[in-house]
Amino acid sequence: MLHITPVGRAPCGLCRQTGVMRYGPRWFHGVRPQTGVPLFDRGKAVGADSVSGDMKLWRVVAFFAAVGLAGTACGAAPSSPESSSEGQATPSGVEPSGKPVDTTTSLPETAGVEEPARPPDVDLSVHSVPLDEVYFDTFDGGSVPLSDSTPELRERLLDVIPPIDRPVYGDVSSGDWLDPSDPVLGYVAGDQAYAYPFKILNFHEIVNDDLDGLPVLISYCPLCRSAIVYDRRVGGDVLSFGNTSALYESDLVMVDRSTGSYWWQVAGTAIVGPLTGARLEPLPSAVATWADWASQYPETLVLTRDTGYSRPYERDAFADYAEIVDSGRFAFPVGEAARDPRLQPSALVVGVVLAEATRAYPVDNLTDPINDEVGGEPIVVFPTDGGATVFSAVVNGETLLFQSSDAGVVDAKTGSVWTSAGVAVSGSYERTALRPIPSRTTFWFAFVGAFPDVQVHTG
């Protein structure tokens, strides 16, 4: 177990005896180490002081990065934007390994977003959720509800977990540092595929970019394994997003830099501020292992460790987090909806919302395609190694049914073989591509918390 001394901070309650912060996949600060009893229950009336003193479960990896490494929490200076993941200066367009990245020929031009402006402070007079159920992770072992927060605290905690606004991509060889089983969030823009390793997203959670002419938001919350891509356009405006360091339903709360509104990540909905009630449109995406994604998209680009921040990207402190969630020890308070017992809290689901109908597909043990209809739309869910992809099942006006065979996934009409990328590689439909359907991949507790009326596909 690695021990680090927090920079300029008092030790947290769990580690007060040793004077250090414990960092590792099994040390989460919401559980008394002697008993394993969760420290917080939303059903009990507690004040801000007692919550800060007792509820110690927060984003361990992010704190390690923001306080232990970068020292950005609570007003400390952030790490240099020119430092690589190995802590050495690297010029723009060069991987931390020193391997040049050809940004003019092999890679499409991605401008990211302009130098981000600080958002205005949030307007607390407009909100759709109780302010005392949105909690700031203060990164010192405590938390503060939004209702008790001050403008100074909100400013101090803004982007402690720093978004990536100018992402640097490399070709598939840039992912050689990843294990084949490492999960990535995959997205296809036009003819170009992109992979976002969870090991990088653990430390940043948000990527703002423009891909194939579309402003996109790559979002990820390690506490609910929610990997979702959104369109950043809302009401004719293009938003860019930062990180509040707050959580709602134990899920990332983002802030748009134009209005200062707070956004619930899994729901894609503004919950506090002038844009309250506005929604982000999800885009088609998928979670898969790096090996699976790279085999389906050999020309994929991958987000590199050239983020501008020094982080131990090779580590994944959330590897064993699911078992903690399944024991009922959520990182931050969750409501009754999130405790829906139909599935285990950490069951990985792919959620589809079409025409006000919502369906969740458990994918942990998915091996065969699922033929279904959501909101009147015939769809097919293809398993990936680590998740699933979702497509319209309609080709040339006809609904196809898919099934497994010795040759792979085939359609029942022609026997054409289809990949999990939704492309036929043989048969009558060879080179035909299915239309992708927007989806969200996340732990069950987070999806049902956002969409309590969801139906679960049971086969």
Protein backbone atom coordinates (compact mmCIF):
# COMPACT_ATOMS: atom_id res chain seq x y z
CA MET A 1 0.00 0.00 0.00
CA LEU A 2 1.34 3.39 -0.99
CA HIS A 3 1.36 6.16 1.62
CA ILE A 4 1.57 9.84 0.81
CA THR A 5 1.43 12.89 3.00
CA PRO A 6 -1.24 15.37 1.87
CA VAL A 7 0.31 18.64 0.75
CA GLY A 8 -0.56 21.45 3.11
CA ARG A 9 -3.56 19.59 4.56
CA ALA A 10 -4.40 17.99 7.88
CA PRO A 11 -4.54 14.19 7.74
CA CYS A 12 -7.98 12.71 7.26
CA GLY A 13 -9.85 11.05 10.10
CA LEU A 14 -9.05 7.53 8.94
CA CYS A 15 -5.33 8.18 8.95
CA ARG A 16 -5.01 10.57 11.84
CA GLN A 17 -3.07 8.00 13.84
CA THR A 18 -0.37 7.70 11.20
CA GLY A 19 -0.43 11.23 9.83
CA VAL A 20 -0.63 10.04 6.24
CA MET A 21 -3.32 9.41 3.68
CA ARG A 22 -3.78 5.80 2.68
CA TYR A 23 -3.99 5.28 -1.04
CA GLY A 24 -5.02 1.98 -2.54
CA PRO A 25 -8.00 0.19 -4.08
CA ARG A 26 -9.36 -1.09 -0.77
CA TRP A 27 -8.96 2.06 1.32
CA PHE A 28 -12.00 4.23 0.86
CA HIS A 29 -12.71 6.92 3.38
CA GLY A 30 -16.42 6.26 3.93
CA VAL A 31 -15.91 3.23 6.15
CA ARG A 32 -14.63 2.92 9.66
CA PRO A 33 -11.55 0.72 9.31
CA GLN A 34 -12.23 -1.08 12.56
CA THR A 35 -15.80 -2.13 11.76
CA GLY A 36 -16.46 -1.68 8.05
CA VAL A 37 -19.63 0.25 8.94
CA PRO A 38 -20.68 2.99 6.51
CA LEU A 39 -20.39 6.43 8.00
CA PHE A 40 -23.29 8.17 6.34
CA ASP A 41 -26.99 7.47 6.04
CA ARG A 42 -29.15 10.02 4.27
CA GLY A 43 -32.04 8.98 6.49
CA LYS A 44 -30.36 10.48 9.55
CA ALA A 45 -30.53 14.19 10.20
CA VAL A 46 -27.00 15.53 10.32
CA GLY A 47 -25.49 18.95 10.02
CA ALA A 48 -22.68 20.05 7.81
CA ASP A 49 -20.10 19.70 10.56
CA SER A 50 -21.02 16.13 11.34
CA VAL A 51 -21.09 15.21 7.68
CA SER A 52 -17.65 16.72 7.19
CA GLY A 53 -16.39 14.89 10.24
CA ASP A 54 -17.97 11.54 9.48
CA MET A 55 -18.49 11.03 5.77
CA LYS A 56 -14.98 10.33 4.56
CA LEU A 57 -15.60 8.42 1.35
CA TRP A 58 -14.50 10.48 -1.63
CA ARG A 59 -12.58 10.15 -4.83
CA VAL A 60 -9.34 8.63 -3.64
CA VAL A 61 -7.60 8.70 -6.96
CA ALA A 62 -8.58 12.29 -7.63
CA PHE A 63 -7.39 13.38 -4.21
CA PHE A 64 -4.07 11.63 -4.75
CA ALA A 65 -3.71 13.56 -7.97
CA ALA A 66 -5.07 16.90 -6.86
CA VAL A 67 -3.57 17.08 -3.37
CA GLY A 68 -0.86 14.48 -3.11
CA LEU A 69 0.66 15.23 -6.49
CA ALA A 70 -0.59 18.48 -7.93
CA GLY A 71 -1.46 20.31 -4.75
CA THR A 72 -4.42 22.02 -6.38
CA ALA A 73 -6.96 21.56 -3.59
CA CYS A 74 -7.91 24.45 -1.37
CA GLY A 75 -6.08 27.12 -3.25
CA ALA A 76 -2.71 25.48 -3.85
CA ALA A 77 -1.10 26.08 -7.21
CA PRO A 78 -1.96 23.55 -9.93
CA SER A 79 0.70 21.51 -11.64
CA SER A 80 2.38 22.91 -14.70
CA PRO A 81 0.39 22.45 -17.91
CA GLU A 82 3.61 21.42 -19.62
CA SER A 83 4.33 18.44 -17.37
CA SER A 84 3.82 14.94 -18.72
CA SER A 85 2.62 11.84 -16.89
CA GLU A 86 6.25 11.11 -16.05
CA GLY A 87 6.65 14.59 -14.60
CA GLN A 88 8.95 15.83 -17.37
CA ALA A 89 8.27 18.70 -19.70
CA THR A 90 7.08 17.63 -23.12
CA PRO A 91 6.32 19.78 -26.13
CA SER A 92 2.80 19.80 -27.52
CA GLY A 93 2.20 16.90 -29.88
CA VAL A 94 4.73 14.58 -28.22
CA GLU A 95 3.78 11.52 -26.20
CA PRO A 96 5.29 11.28 -22.68
CA SER A 97 7.39 8.40 -24.00
CA GLY A 98 9.11 10.87 -26.30
CA LYS A 99 7.54 9.39 -29.42
CA PRO A 100 6.44 12.15 -31.81
CA VAL A 101 2.76 12.37 -32.66
CA ASP A 102 2.09 13.45 -36.23
CA THR A 103 -0.64 16.00 -35.68
CA THR A 104 -0.66 17.21 -39.26
CA THR A 105 -0.99 14.01 -41.27
CA SER A 106 -2.04 10.87 -39.39
CA LEU A 107 -4.24 12.66 -36.88
CA PRO A 108 -7.29 14.79 -37.62
CA GLU A 109 -7.17 18.33 -36.35
CA THR A 110 -8.90 18.62 -32.97
CA ALA A 111 -8.98 22.09 -31.56
CA GLY A 112 -10.34 21.16 -28.16
CA VAL A 113 -11.86 24.27 -26.63
CA GLU A 114 -10.55 27.77 -26.23
CA GLU A 115 -8.74 28.69 -23.02
CA PRO A 116 -11.52 28.01 -20.50
CA ALA A 117 -12.99 30.93 -18.66
CA ARG A 118 -13.92 30.67 -15.01
CA PRO A 119 -17.68 30.16 -14.80
CA PRO A 120 -19.85 32.57 -12.86
CA ASP A 121 -20.84 31.41 -9.40
CA VAL A 122 -23.90 29.20 -9.40
CA ASP A 123 -27.31 30.81 -8.82
CA LEU A 124 -28.71 28.82 -5.91
CA SER A 125 -32.17 30.36 -6.20
CA VAL A 126 -33.03 28.05 -9.10
CA HIS A 127 -32.76 24.30 -8.61
CA SER A 128 -34.62 21.05 -9.26
CA VAL A 129 -33.07 18.98 -6.48
CA PRO A 130 -32.61 19.75 -2.77
CA LEU A 131 -29.43 21.75 -2.29
CA ASP A 132 -28.58 19.80 0.84
CA GLU A 133 -28.36 16.60 -1.20
CA VAL A 134 -25.55 17.91 -3.43
CA TYR A 135 -22.25 17.37 -1.63
CA PHE A 136 -18.86 18.92 -2.22
CA ASP A 137 -15.91 16.62 -1.75
CA THR A 138 -13.56 18.93 0.17
CA PHE A 139 -10.56 16.60 -0.36
CA ASP A 140 -9.54 16.83 3.28
CA GLY A 141 -11.56 13.89 4.50
CA GLY A 142 -14.86 15.74 4.68
CA SER A 143 -17.73 17.10 2.65
CA VAL A 144 -20.03 20.11 2.61
CA PRO A 145 -23.59 20.24 1.27
CA LEU A 146 -24.21 22.83 -1.42
CA SER A 147 -26.77 24.49 0.86
CA ASP A 148 -23.99 25.28 3.36
CA SER A 149 -21.26 26.14 0.88
CA THR A 150 -19.79 29.60 0.39
CA PRO A 151 -18.77 31.25 -2.88
CA GLU A 152 -15.16 31.03 -1.69
CA LEU A 153 -15.41 27.27 -1.14
CA ARG A 154 -17.06 26.69 -4.49
CA GLU A 155 -14.37 28.70 -6.24
CA ARG A 156 -11.61 26.89 -4.37
CA LEU A 157 -12.94 23.46 -5.32
CA LEU A 158 -13.59 24.28 -8.97
CA ASP A 159 -11.59 21.99 -11.29
CA VAL A 160 -9.55 20.43 -8.49
CA ILE A 161 -10.05 17.39 -10.70
CA PRO A 162 -8.93 19.14 -13.90
CA PRO A 163 -10.84 18.63 -17.15
CA ILE A 164 -8.94 18.10 -20.37
CA ASP A 165 -9.65 20.96 -22.76
CA ARG A 166 -6.93 20.33 -25.33
CA PRO A 167 -6.75 16.57 -25.71
CA VAL A 168 -3.81 15.02 -27.55
CA TYR A 169 -4.45 11.79 -29.45
CA GLY A 170 -2.10 9.18 -30.78
CA ASP A 171 -2.51 6.21 -33.08
CA VAL A 172 -3.19 2.73 -31.76
CA SER A 173 0.45 2.24 -30.78
CA SER A 174 0.01 5.07 -28.27
CA GLY A 175 -2.07 2.64 -26.23
CA ASP A 176 0.78 0.17 -25.81
CA TRP A 177 1.05 1.16 -22.14
CA LEU A 178 -2.50 -0.12 -21.53
CA ASP A 179 -3.27 -3.68 -20.52
CA PRO A 180 -5.44 -5.47 -23.10
CA SER A 181 -8.21 -5.78 -20.50
CA ASP A 182 -8.19 -2.09 -19.54
CA PRO A 183 -11.60 -0.50 -20.23
CA VAL A 184 -11.98 2.41 -22.61
CA LEU A 185 -14.87 4.64 -23.58
CA GLY A 186 -15.20 4.41 -27.34
CA TYR A 187 -16.73 7.01 -29.63
CA VAL A 188 -16.90 7.25 -33.41
CA ALA A 189 -17.00 10.66 -35.10
CA GLY A 190 -17.59 10.39 -38.82
CA ASP A 191 -15.08 7.85 -40.09
CA GLN A 192 -12.73 8.21 -37.14
CA ALA A 193 -12.87 6.17 -33.91
CA TYR A 194 -11.59 7.49 -30.57
CA ALA A 195 -10.72 5.66 -27.35
CA TYR A 196 -10.63 7.25 -23.90
CA PRO A 197 -8.89 5.02 -21.33
CA PHE A 198 -10.58 4.85 -17.94
CA LYS A 199 -7.12 5.04 -16.39
CA ILE A 200 -6.84 8.59 -17.72
CA LEU A 201 -10.46 9.54 -17.14
CA ASN A 202 -10.10 8.52 -13.47
CA PHE A 203 -7.99 11.63 -13.00
CA HIS A 204 -9.88 14.09 -15.21
CA GLU A 205 -13.50 12.91 -15.60
CA ILE A 206 -14.24 15.49 -18.33
CA VAL A 207 -12.88 16.02 -21.84
CA ASN A 208 -14.17 18.93 -23.93
CA ASP A 209 -13.49 18.55 -27.64
CA ASP A 210 -14.75 19.21 -31.16
CA LEU A 211 -14.77 16.07 -33.32
CA ASP A 212 -15.92 15.92 -36.92
CA GLY A 213 -17.48 19.37 -36.52
CA LEU A 214 -19.47 18.43 -33.41
CA PRO A 215 -18.76 19.83 -29.94
CA VAL A 216 -18.64 16.81 -27.66
CA LEU A 217 -18.34 16.18 -23.94
CA ILE A 218 -16.59 13.00 -22.84
CA SER A 219 -17.72 12.39 -19.26
CA TYR A 220 -16.82 9.75 -16.70
CA CYS A 221 -17.41 9.28 -12.98
CA PRO A 222 -15.28 6.58 -11.31
CA LEU A 223 -17.68 6.32 -8.39
CA CYS A 224 -20.46 4.96 -10.60
CA ARG A 225 -18.41 3.86 -13.61
CA SER A 226 -20.58 6.09 -15.75
CA ALA A 227 -19.07 6.62 -19.19
CA ILE A 228 -21.20 8.89 -21.38
CA VAL A 229 -20.62 11.10 -24.42
CA TYR A 230 -22.81 14.18 -24.85
CA ASP A 231 -23.40 16.87 -27.44
CA ARG A 232 -22.26 20.16 -25.85
CA ARG A 233 -24.88 22.22 -27.69
CA VAL A 234 -27.84 23.44 -25.65
CA GLY A 235 -30.46 25.82 -27.00
CA GLY A 236 -28.22 27.05 -29.79
CA ASP A 237 -25.25 27.69 -27.49
CA VAL A 238 -22.08 25.62 -27.26
CA LEU A 239 -21.15 24.94 -23.65
CA SER A 240 -17.87 23.76 -22.20
CA PHE A 241 -17.73 22.02 -18.86
CA GLY A 242 -15.68 22.03 -15.70
CA ASN A 243 -15.75 19.99 -12.51
CA THR A 244 -17.48 21.32 -9.40
CA SER A 245 -15.93 18.70 -7.07
CA ALA A 246 -19.52 18.06 -6.01
CA LEU A 247 -21.60 14.91 -6.33
CA TYR A 248 -25.31 14.21 -6.50
CA GLU A 249 -26.56 10.66 -6.01
CA SER A 250 -22.86 9.76 -5.68
CA ASP A 251 -22.33 10.91 -9.27
CA LEU A 252 -20.24 13.63 -10.86
CA VAL A 253 -21.71 17.14 -10.91
CA MET A 254 -20.35 19.21 -13.79
CA VAL A 255 -20.55 22.98 -14.29
CA ASP A 256 -21.01 24.78 -17.58
CA ARG A 257 -18.64 27.69 -17.90
CA SER A 258 -21.17 29.99 -19.57
CA THR A 259 -23.90 30.17 -16.93
CA GLY A 260 -22.39 28.42 -13.90
CA SER A 261 -25.24 25.91 -13.89
CA TYR A 262 -24.62 22.53 -12.26
CA TRP A 263 -25.25 19.36 -14.29
CA TRP A 264 -25.95 15.81 -13.09
CA GLN A 265 -23.75 13.63 -15.26
CA VAL A 266 -25.72 10.39 -15.67
CA ALA A 267 -29.02 12.18 -16.18
CA GLY A 268 -27.42 14.79 -18.44
CA THR A 269 -29.63 17.38 -16.78
CA ALA A 270 -28.95 20.80 -15.26
CA ILE A 271 -30.07 20.67 -11.63
CA VAL A 272 -28.95 24.03 -10.20
CA GLY A 273 -28.64 27.46 -11.81
CA PRO A 274 -30.25 29.32 -14.71
CA LEU A 275 -30.25 26.32 -17.06
CA THR A 276 -32.05 24.08 -14.56
CA GLY A 277 -34.18 21.59 -16.46
CA ALA A 278 -32.11 21.76 -19.66
CA ARG A 279 -30.82 18.47 -21.03
CA LEU A 280 -27.74 17.35 -22.88
CA GLU A 281 -28.26 14.98 -25.78
CA PRO A 282 -26.33 11.72 -25.37
CA LEU A 283 -24.39 10.44 -28.34
CA PRO A 284 -23.70 6.83 -29.37
CA SER A 285 -20.75 5.40 -27.47
CA ALA A 286 -19.55 2.11 -26.05
CA VAL A 287 -17.39 0.68 -23.30
CA ALA A 288 -15.03 -2.13 -24.25
CA THR A 289 -11.64 -3.44 -23.31
CA TRP A 290 -8.75 -1.77 -25.07
CA ALA A 291 -7.96 -4.98 -26.94
CA ASP A 292 -11.54 -5.37 -28.15
CA TRP A 293 -11.91 -1.75 -29.23
CA ALA A 294 -8.56 -1.73 -31.03
CA SER A 295 -9.45 -4.95 -32.86
CA GLN A 296 -12.77 -3.51 -34.03
CA TYR A 297 -11.20 -0.16 -34.92
CA PRO A 298 -7.52 -0.72 -35.82
CA GLU A 299 -7.24 2.89 -37.01
CA THR A 300 -8.60 4.25 -33.74
CA LEU A 301 -7.03 7.24 -32.10
CA VAL A 302 -6.49 7.07 -28.36
CA LEU A 303 -6.31 9.83 -25.77
CA THR A 304 -2.67 10.03 -24.69
CA ARG A 305 -1.09 10.74 -21.34
CA ASP A 306 0.08 14.07 -22.72
CA THR A 307 -2.63 15.81 -20.70
CA GLY A 308 -0.54 18.61 -19.25
CA TYR A 309 -0.68 17.05 -15.79
CA SER A 310 1.59 14.68 -13.89
CA ARG A 311 -0.51 11.70 -12.80
CA PRO A 312 0.15 7.98 -12.16
CA TYR A 313 -2.10 6.96 -15.02
CA GLU A 314 -0.89 3.37 -14.96
CA ARG A 315 -2.65 2.79 -11.62
CA ASP A 316 -6.33 2.02 -11.15
CA ALA A 317 -7.35 2.44 -7.52
CA PHE A 318 -10.98 1.71 -8.44
CA ALA A 319 -10.31 -1.85 -9.59
CA ASP A 320 -12.06 -3.36 -6.54
CA TYR A 321 -14.57 -0.58 -5.99
CA ALA A 322 -17.60 -2.60 -7.17
CA GLU A 323 -17.52 -4.90 -4.13
CA ILE A 324 -17.61 -1.87 -1.84
CA VAL A 325 -20.67 -0.48 -3.62
CA ASP A 326 -22.39 -3.86 -3.48
CA SER A 327 -21.94 -3.92 0.29
CA GLY A 328 -24.08 -0.77 0.47
CA ARG A 329 -21.21 1.62 1.14
CA PHE A 330 -21.82 4.36 -1.42
CA ALA A 331 -19.26 7.11 -1.78
CA PHE A 332 -21.83 9.84 -1.15
CA PRO A 333 -25.51 9.76 -0.17
CA VAL A 334 -27.98 8.17 -2.57
CA GLY A 335 -31.76 8.12 -2.48
CA GLU A 336 -34.21 5.26 -2.43
CA ALA A 337 -34.36 5.01 -6.23
CA ALA A 338 -30.64 4.23 -6.39
CA ARG A 339 -31.14 1.34 -3.97
CA ASP A 340 -33.52 -0.45 -6.34
CA PRO A 341 -32.91 -4.17 -5.62
CA ARG A 342 -33.66 -5.50 -9.11
CA LEU A 343 -29.92 -5.63 -9.79
CA GLN A 344 -26.76 -5.41 -7.73
CA PRO A 345 -25.72 -1.75 -7.27
CA SER A 346 -22.52 -2.30 -9.27
CA ALA A 347 -24.13 -4.31 -12.06
CA LEU A 348 -22.91 -2.73 -15.28
CA VAL A 349 -25.79 -1.70 -17.52
CA VAL A 350 -26.16 -0.03 -20.88
CA GLY A 351 -29.09 2.36 -20.68
CA VAL A 352 -31.16 3.47 -23.66
CA VAL A 353 -33.69 6.30 -23.60
CA LEU A 354 -35.88 6.66 -26.71
CA ALA A 355 -39.19 8.52 -27.02
CA GLU A 356 -39.52 8.76 -23.22
CA ALA A 357 -39.07 4.98 -22.87
CA THR A 358 -36.09 3.80 -20.82
CA ARG A 359 -34.49 0.37 -20.85
CA ALA A 360 -31.45 -1.01 -19.02
CA TYR A 361 -29.47 -3.96 -20.35
CA PRO A 362 -27.22 -5.80 -17.88
CA VAL A 363 -24.01 -6.53 -19.74
CA ASP A 364 -21.67 -8.13 -17.19
CA ASN A 365 -22.32 -11.61 -18.61
CA LEU A 366 -23.78 -10.69 -21.98
CA THR A 367 -22.69 -13.09 -24.72
CA ASP A 368 -25.50 -13.01 -27.28
CA PRO A 369 -27.14 -10.12 -29.12
CA ILE A 370 -30.40 -8.74 -27.71
CA ASN A 371 -33.25 -7.92 -30.10
CA ASP A 372 -35.63 -5.41 -28.53
CA GLU A 373 -37.85 -2.41 -29.14
CA VAL A 374 -37.60 0.83 -27.14
CA GLY A 375 -39.99 3.70 -27.69
CA GLY A 376 -41.18 2.10 -30.91
CA GLU A 377 -37.62 1.78 -32.27
CA PRO A 378 -36.37 -1.74 -33.06
CA ILE A 379 -32.84 -2.03 -31.71
CA VAL A 380 -30.12 -4.60 -31.28
CA VAL A 381 -27.60 -4.72 -28.44
CA PHE A 382 -24.29 -6.33 -29.41
CA PRO A 383 -22.00 -7.56 -26.63
CA THR A 384 -18.46 -6.23 -26.44
CA ASP A 385 -15.69 -7.44 -24.20
CA GLY A 386 -16.52 -5.20 -21.25
CA GLY A 387 -19.80 -3.61 -22.32
CA ALA A 388 -22.15 -3.39 -25.28
CA THR A 389 -22.99 -1.37 -28.37
CA VAL A 390 -26.51 -0.38 -29.43
CA PHE A 391 -27.80 0.01 -32.98
CA SER A 392 -31.03 0.42 -34.88
CA ALA A 393 -32.10 -2.99 -36.19
CA VAL A 394 -33.71 -1.45 -39.27
CA VAL A 395 -31.91 -1.82 -42.61
CA ASN A 396 -33.53 -0.52 -45.80
CA GLY A 397 -36.86 -0.26 -44.04
CA GLU A 398 -36.79 -3.84 -42.77
CA THR A 399 -36.25 -4.93 -39.17
CA LEU A 400 -33.56 -7.55 -38.83
CA LEU A 401 -33.25 -10.12 -36.06
CA PHE A 402 -29.78 -11.06 -34.88
CA GLN A 403 -28.45 -14.21 -33.28
CA SER A 404 -25.21 -15.92 -32.39
CA SER A 405 -23.72 -18.58 -34.64
CA ASP A 406 -20.44 -20.41 -35.08
CA ALA A 407 -19.44 -17.66 -37.53
CA GLY A 408 -20.28 -14.90 -35.06
CA VAL A 409 -23.34 -12.65 -34.86
CA VAL A 410 -25.55 -13.07 -37.93
CA ASP A 411 -28.90 -11.72 -39.04
CA ALA A 412 -31.61 -14.34 -39.42
CA LYS A 413 -32.68 -13.11 -42.87
CA THR A 414 -29.43 -13.44 -44.83
CA GLY A 415 -26.88 -14.97 -42.47
CA SER A 416 -24.60 -11.98 -42.95
CA VAL A 417 -21.94 -11.75 -40.24
CA TRP A 418 -21.91 -8.55 -38.17
CA THR A 419 -19.29 -7.11 -35.83
CA SER A 420 -19.94 -5.35 -32.53
CA ALA A 421 -19.14 -2.17 -34.47
CA GLY A 422 -22.43 -2.72 -36.32
CA VAL A 423 -20.84 -3.51 -39.68
CA ALA A 424 -21.52 -6.56 -41.83
CA VAL A 425 -18.27 -8.22 -42.88
CA SER A 426 -19.72 -10.94 -45.08
CA GLY A 427 -22.94 -12.02 -46.75
CA SER A 428 -25.61 -10.04 -48.61
CA TYR A 429 -25.22 -7.05 -46.30
CA GLU A 430 -21.42 -6.91 -46.49
CA ARG A 431 -20.14 -3.35 -45.77
CA THR A 432 -23.58 -2.28 -44.57
CA ALA A 433 -23.41 -0.29 -41.33
CA LEU A 434 -26.20 -0.16 -38.77
CA ARG A 435 -27.22 3.23 -37.38
CA PRO A 436 -25.83 3.67 -33.85
CA ILE A 437 -28.21 4.50 -30.99
CA PRO A 438 -27.22 6.81 -28.09
CA SER A 439 -26.63 4.99 -24.83
CA ARG A 440 -25.14 5.37 -21.36
CA THR A 441 -22.89 2.79 -19.69
CA THR A 442 -22.92 2.92 -15.90
CA PHE A 443 -23.42 1.05 -12.65
CA TRP A 444 -27.05 0.11 -12.07
CA PHE A 445 -27.46 2.28 -8.95
CA ALA A 446 -26.49 5.42 -10.87
CA PHE A 447 -28.73 4.72 -13.86
CA VAL A 448 -31.83 3.80 -11.86
CA GLY A 449 -31.20 6.79 -9.60
CA ALA A 450 -31.41 9.03 -12.66
CA PHE A 451 -34.18 7.07 -14.41
CA PRO A 452 -36.27 5.39 -11.68
CA ASP A 453 -38.98 4.26 -14.12
CA VAL A 454 -36.51 2.22 -16.17
CA GLN A 455 -37.45 -1.25 -17.33
CA VAL A 456 -34.77 -3.91 -17.02
CA HIS A 457 -34.34 -6.30 -19.91
CA THR A 458 -34.54 -9.81 -18.50
CA GLY A 459 -34.22 -11.87 -21.68
